[in-house]
Amino acid sequence: MIGKWSGARAIGVLLLAGVLAGCSGSGGPAVDRTQSLEAYTPEQIFARGEFELSNGKTENAGYYFAEIERLYPYSSWAKRSLIMQAFSYHAGQNYEESRSAAQRYIDFYPADEDAAYAQYLLALSYYDQIDEVGRDQGLTFQALQSLRTVIEVYPDSEYANSAILKFDLAFDHLAAKEMEIGRYYLRRDHYASAINRFRVVVEDFQTTSHTAEALHRLVEAYLSLGLVDEAQTAGAILGYNFQSTEWYESSYKLLTANGLKLKDRGNNWLSQIYRQTVKGQWL
């Protein structure tokens, strides 16, 4: 996005640099926003934004690109500056401003070649804020929705594969949250509450890396409640799909120590999953 400057363009940048105070630091303190830029062409202001961006002063770069949008709203430079706003603010971790600029680009130029990139930046503005598992996962849901839009609306774009990878990671993140809460309840002998959480993982997050552990925890919880049919069936699913994992080995030892087998028993929600599994329709 940052190309070589022509002599006139470079002069414009130097003039701007002289008029507006320089900055320091990765984001840099705010530039003098009381100084009018109306005397400068959009190309000159754009070049100044690129200059700030190349020096790591992302907030300042975003400001200059935003000024082009404000001063020259119907020019081709306004469109270019809008996607650069989204990029600059995201690079500086100003996710709210990045998301706002990206959304405006999508609204104004939905058929433009950079619309896919704008949608991807919008998704990243949520994805890059996903906190550790222990916190509220609202941003994870928003990231998933935005990443799905990239995948479904722009399947042939260069961002689709990256969006798929990040979608899978975010999906796994949600499953990890359910597991954390389930383990919390299990440690405190709140078995019914723990089972509800592990069931969500088995039914809704079965493609994630947490399914095997969720099944083992179900074995533990159901045995603690004396529900041996459910415990054995959970163990049978583990044996069918995850026999090489440590969770299968732990469930096998736990069930056999109680004189039980890993087999489908009864007519419960796990039995239905087991029958689907045997038929090759699940996992």
Protein backbone atom coordinates (compact mmCIF):
# COMPACT_ATOMS: atom_id res chain seq x y z
CA MET A 1 0.00 0.00 0.00
CA ILE A 2 2.97 2.30 0.48
CA GLY A 3 4.65 3.05 -2.81
CA LYS A 4 7.42 5.31 -4.03
CA TRP A 5 6.68 8.98 -3.95
CA SER A 6 7.01 11.43 -6.81
CA GLY A 7 8.95 14.65 -6.23
CA ALA A 8 5.82 16.75 -5.91
CA ARG A 9 4.23 14.24 -3.59
CA ALA A 10 7.30 14.12 -1.37
CA ILE A 11 7.39 17.92 -1.21
CA GLY A 12 3.78 17.91 -0.06
CA VAL A 13 4.61 15.46 2.68
CA LEU A 14 7.57 17.53 3.82
CA LEU A 15 5.40 20.64 3.87
CA LEU A 16 2.86 18.85 6.01
CA ALA A 17 5.61 17.60 8.27
CA GLY A 18 6.75 21.16 8.77
CA VAL A 19 3.30 22.50 9.46
CA LEU A 20 2.19 19.73 11.79
CA ALA A 21 4.26 18.67 14.77
CA GLY A 22 6.06 15.35 14.59
CA CYS A 23 5.32 12.50 16.92
CA SER A 24 7.21 9.85 18.83
CA GLY A 25 6.52 6.33 20.02
CA SER A 26 4.85 3.44 18.24
CA GLY A 27 1.44 5.09 18.21
CA GLY A 28 2.73 8.60 18.78
CA PRO A 29 0.93 11.36 20.64
CA ALA A 30 -1.92 12.98 18.77
CA VAL A 31 -1.01 15.44 16.03
CA ASP A 32 -2.17 19.04 16.16
CA ARG A 33 -5.72 18.53 14.98
CA THR A 34 -6.53 22.23 15.14
CA GLN A 35 -4.35 22.80 12.08
CA SER A 36 -6.48 22.91 8.94
CA LEU A 37 -5.56 20.60 6.07
CA GLU A 38 -7.85 22.26 3.56
CA ALA A 39 -4.92 23.85 1.72
CA TYR A 40 -3.51 20.45 0.84
CA THR A 41 -4.57 18.06 -1.87
CA PRO A 42 -5.95 14.64 -0.97
CA GLU A 43 -2.85 13.09 -2.51
CA GLN A 44 -0.59 15.11 -0.23
CA ILE A 45 -2.59 14.22 2.87
CA PHE A 46 -2.68 10.57 1.82
CA ALA A 47 1.09 10.58 1.42
CA ARG A 48 1.44 12.05 4.91
CA GLY A 49 -0.73 9.25 6.24
CA GLU A 50 1.49 6.69 4.54
CA PHE A 51 4.54 8.43 5.99
CA GLU A 52 3.14 8.23 9.52
CA LEU A 53 2.17 4.61 8.99
CA SER A 54 5.62 3.68 7.72
CA ASN A 55 7.05 5.12 10.94
CA GLY A 56 4.71 3.08 13.11
CA LYS A 57 2.54 6.05 14.13
CA THR A 58 -0.71 4.34 13.38
CA GLU A 59 -3.06 6.69 15.23
CA ASN A 60 -1.68 9.66 13.38
CA ALA A 61 -1.92 7.81 10.08
CA GLY A 62 -5.56 7.01 10.78
CA TYR A 63 -6.21 10.68 11.48
CA TYR A 64 -4.80 11.82 8.13
CA PHE A 65 -6.71 9.19 6.21
CA ALA A 66 -9.87 10.19 8.06
CA GLU A 67 -9.31 13.82 7.11
CA ILE A 68 -9.32 12.88 3.43
CA GLU A 69 -12.68 11.19 3.90
CA ARG A 70 -13.99 14.34 5.62
CA LEU A 71 -12.53 16.93 3.24
CA TYR A 72 -12.91 15.05 -0.04
CA PRO A 73 -15.81 12.64 0.57
CA TYR A 74 -16.66 11.99 -3.08
CA SER A 75 -13.16 11.57 -4.44
CA SER A 76 -11.37 8.35 -5.32
CA TRP A 77 -8.92 9.24 -2.57
CA ALA A 78 -11.72 9.02 -0.01
CA LYS A 79 -12.30 5.38 -0.91
CA ARG A 80 -8.60 4.58 -0.69
CA SER A 81 -8.24 6.45 2.58
CA LEU A 82 -11.17 4.60 4.15
CA ILE A 83 -9.60 1.17 3.78
CA MET A 84 -6.30 2.65 4.96
CA GLN A 85 -8.06 4.02 8.04
CA ALA A 86 -9.29 0.54 8.88
CA PHE A 87 -5.81 -0.88 8.34
CA SER A 88 -4.00 1.84 10.32
CA TYR A 89 -6.30 1.75 13.32
CA HIS A 90 -6.19 -2.03 13.44
CA ALA A 91 -2.40 -2.00 13.32
CA GLY A 92 -2.48 0.34 16.32
CA GLN A 93 -5.01 -1.88 18.15
CA ASN A 94 -7.66 0.83 18.01
CA TYR A 95 -10.22 -1.81 17.18
CA GLU A 96 -13.34 0.32 17.55
CA GLU A 97 -12.15 2.89 15.00
CA SER A 98 -10.88 0.14 12.70
CA ARG A 99 -14.23 -1.62 12.83
CA SER A 100 -16.08 1.63 12.16
CA ALA A 101 -13.99 2.45 9.10
CA ALA A 102 -14.21 -1.09 7.76
CA GLN A 103 -18.00 -1.11 8.15
CA ARG A 104 -18.31 2.20 6.31
CA TYR A 105 -16.24 0.81 3.47
CA ILE A 106 -18.51 -2.24 3.22
CA ASP A 107 -21.60 -0.02 3.31
CA PHE A 108 -20.33 2.44 0.68
CA TYR A 109 -18.43 0.07 -1.62
CA PRO A 110 -19.92 -3.42 -1.21
CA ALA A 111 -18.90 -4.53 -4.71
CA ASP A 112 -15.38 -3.12 -4.60
CA GLU A 113 -12.39 -5.44 -4.79
CA ASP A 114 -11.28 -4.36 -1.30
CA ALA A 115 -14.67 -5.12 0.29
CA ALA A 116 -13.47 -8.61 1.22
CA TYR A 117 -10.44 -7.11 2.96
CA ALA A 118 -12.65 -4.61 4.79
CA GLN A 119 -14.86 -7.47 6.03
CA TYR A 120 -11.76 -9.41 7.08
CA LEU A 121 -10.44 -6.40 9.02
CA LEU A 122 -13.84 -6.03 10.67
CA ALA A 123 -13.69 -9.68 11.75
CA LEU A 124 -10.13 -9.24 13.02
CA SER A 125 -11.25 -6.26 15.12
CA TYR A 126 -13.23 -8.79 17.16
CA TYR A 127 -10.94 -11.80 16.80
CA ASP A 128 -7.82 -10.00 18.01
CA GLN A 129 -9.63 -8.99 21.20
CA ILE A 130 -10.58 -12.51 22.24
CA ASP A 131 -9.36 -12.80 25.79
CA GLU A 132 -8.32 -15.79 27.77
CA VAL A 133 -10.87 -18.54 28.30
CA GLY A 134 -11.87 -17.32 31.75
CA ARG A 135 -13.51 -14.10 30.53
CA ASP A 136 -16.82 -13.32 28.86
CA GLN A 137 -16.89 -14.68 25.33
CA GLY A 138 -19.17 -12.11 23.68
CA LEU A 139 -16.36 -10.97 21.40
CA THR A 140 -15.77 -14.57 20.36
CA PHE A 141 -19.35 -14.86 19.13
CA GLN A 142 -19.02 -11.59 17.22
CA ALA A 143 -15.74 -12.76 15.70
CA LEU A 144 -17.38 -16.01 14.59
CA GLN A 145 -20.24 -14.14 12.92
CA SER A 146 -17.92 -11.77 11.09
CA LEU A 147 -15.52 -14.52 10.03
CA ARG A 148 -18.45 -16.54 8.72
CA THR A 149 -19.40 -13.56 6.56
CA VAL A 150 -15.92 -13.52 5.02
CA ILE A 151 -16.16 -17.25 4.33
CA GLU A 152 -19.67 -17.20 2.88
CA VAL A 153 -19.76 -13.85 1.06
CA TYR A 154 -16.17 -13.84 -0.22
CA PRO A 155 -15.32 -17.55 -0.61
CA ASP A 156 -12.93 -16.93 -3.51
CA SER A 157 -11.02 -14.10 -1.86
CA GLU A 158 -7.49 -14.42 -0.58
CA TYR A 159 -8.82 -13.97 2.97
CA ALA A 160 -11.23 -16.91 3.00
CA ASN A 161 -8.69 -19.56 4.04
CA SER A 162 -7.34 -17.42 6.86
CA ALA A 163 -10.91 -16.72 7.99
CA ILE A 164 -11.65 -20.46 8.06
CA LEU A 165 -8.60 -21.11 10.22
CA LYS A 166 -9.48 -18.31 12.63
CA PHE A 167 -13.11 -19.45 12.72
CA ASP A 168 -12.00 -22.93 13.81
CA LEU A 169 -9.73 -21.46 16.49
CA ALA A 170 -12.47 -19.20 17.81
CA PHE A 171 -14.93 -22.11 17.79
CA ASP A 172 -12.43 -24.17 19.80
CA HIS A 173 -12.13 -21.22 22.18
CA LEU A 174 -15.85 -21.34 22.94
CA ALA A 175 -15.66 -25.08 23.58
CA ALA A 176 -12.79 -24.46 25.98
CA LYS A 177 -14.99 -22.02 27.87
CA GLU A 178 -17.72 -24.65 28.27
CA MET A 179 -15.12 -27.16 29.47
CA GLU A 180 -13.73 -24.75 32.03
CA ILE A 181 -17.18 -24.13 33.52
CA GLY A 182 -18.01 -27.85 33.42
CA ARG A 183 -14.81 -28.76 35.26
CA TYR A 184 -15.57 -26.06 37.83
CA TYR A 185 -18.96 -27.62 38.57
CA LEU A 186 -17.51 -31.13 38.58
CA ARG A 187 -14.87 -30.23 41.18
CA ARG A 188 -17.65 -28.93 43.42
CA ASP A 189 -19.84 -32.02 42.93
CA HIS A 190 -22.49 -30.07 41.01
CA TYR A 191 -22.88 -32.99 38.64
CA ALA A 192 -26.06 -31.98 36.84
CA SER A 193 -24.63 -28.55 35.99
CA ALA A 194 -21.35 -30.11 34.88
CA ILE A 195 -23.15 -32.61 32.65
CA ASN A 196 -25.06 -29.80 30.94
CA ARG A 197 -21.80 -28.07 30.00
CA PHE A 198 -20.08 -31.23 28.76
CA ARG A 199 -23.16 -32.16 26.79
CA VAL A 200 -22.97 -28.82 24.95
CA VAL A 201 -19.40 -29.65 23.91
CA VAL A 202 -20.33 -33.15 22.71
CA GLU A 203 -23.40 -32.00 20.80
CA ASP A 204 -22.46 -28.53 19.54
CA PHE A 205 -18.65 -28.50 19.48
CA GLN A 206 -17.91 -32.07 18.41
CA THR A 207 -15.38 -30.97 15.80
CA THR A 208 -13.16 -29.26 18.37
CA SER A 209 -10.23 -30.68 20.31
CA HIS A 210 -12.26 -30.87 23.54
CA THR A 211 -14.75 -33.60 22.66
CA ALA A 212 -12.73 -36.52 24.03
CA GLU A 213 -12.25 -34.88 27.41
CA ALA A 214 -15.92 -33.88 27.53
CA LEU A 215 -16.91 -37.54 27.08
CA HIS A 216 -14.52 -38.63 29.82
CA ARG A 217 -15.90 -35.99 32.19
CA LEU A 218 -19.38 -37.28 31.41
CA VAL A 219 -18.22 -40.74 32.46
CA GLU A 220 -16.99 -39.28 35.76
CA ALA A 221 -20.14 -37.24 36.38
CA TYR A 222 -22.60 -39.99 35.49
CA LEU A 223 -20.77 -42.55 37.62
CA SER A 224 -20.88 -40.14 40.55
CA LEU A 225 -24.66 -39.94 40.11
CA GLY A 226 -24.99 -43.72 39.77
CA LEU A 227 -26.20 -43.43 36.16
CA VAL A 228 -24.17 -46.35 34.83
CA ASP A 229 -25.95 -46.68 31.47
CA GLU A 230 -25.00 -43.13 30.50
CA ALA A 231 -21.46 -43.57 31.84
CA GLN A 232 -20.90 -46.76 29.85
CA THR A 233 -22.32 -45.24 26.68
CA ALA A 234 -20.05 -42.19 26.97
CA GLY A 235 -17.16 -44.60 27.37
CA ALA A 236 -18.28 -46.56 24.30
CA ILE A 237 -18.27 -43.39 22.19
CA LEU A 238 -14.78 -42.64 23.46
CA GLY A 239 -13.68 -46.14 22.49
CA TYR A 240 -15.12 -45.81 19.01
CA ASN A 241 -13.77 -42.35 18.17
CA PHE A 242 -10.91 -41.58 20.52
CA GLN A 243 -9.29 -44.87 21.50
CA SER A 244 -5.77 -43.49 21.14
CA THR A 245 -6.32 -40.67 23.63
CA GLU A 246 -5.52 -40.43 27.31
CA TRP A 247 -9.19 -39.72 27.97
CA TYR A 248 -10.20 -43.13 26.64
CA GLU A 249 -7.59 -44.81 28.83
CA SER A 250 -8.81 -42.93 31.91
CA SER A 251 -12.44 -43.80 31.23
CA TYR A 252 -11.54 -47.42 30.55
CA LYS A 253 -9.76 -47.71 33.91
CA LEU A 254 -12.57 -45.94 35.73
CA LEU A 255 -15.35 -48.06 34.26
CA THR A 256 -13.59 -51.42 34.51
CA ALA A 257 -12.61 -50.65 38.11
CA ASN A 258 -16.33 -50.46 38.80
CA GLY A 259 -17.04 -53.73 37.00
CA LEU A 260 -18.54 -51.95 33.99
CA LYS A 261 -17.94 -52.18 30.26
CA LEU A 262 -17.62 -49.54 27.59
CA LYS A 263 -20.80 -50.31 25.69
CA ASP A 264 -24.00 -48.68 24.58
CA ARG A 265 -26.65 -49.08 27.28
CA GLY A 266 -30.19 -47.78 27.66
CA ASN A 267 -32.03 -45.20 25.59
CA ASN A 268 -30.58 -41.79 26.39
CA TRP A 269 -29.11 -38.86 24.47
CA LEU A 270 -25.69 -40.51 24.43
CA SER A 271 -27.17 -43.72 23.03
CA GLN A 272 -28.59 -41.77 20.12
CA ILE A 273 -25.16 -40.28 19.44
CA TYR A 274 -23.56 -43.71 19.70
CA ARG A 275 -25.91 -45.15 17.11
CA GLN A 276 -25.20 -42.25 14.79
CA THR A 277 -21.51 -42.77 15.33
CA VAL A 278 -21.64 -46.46 14.48
CA LYS A 279 -23.46 -45.58 11.27
CA GLY A 280 -20.75 -43.08 10.41
CA GLN A 281 -23.04 -40.04 10.65
CA TRP A 282 -21.30 -38.32 13.54
CA LEU A 283 -17.70 -37.17 14.02
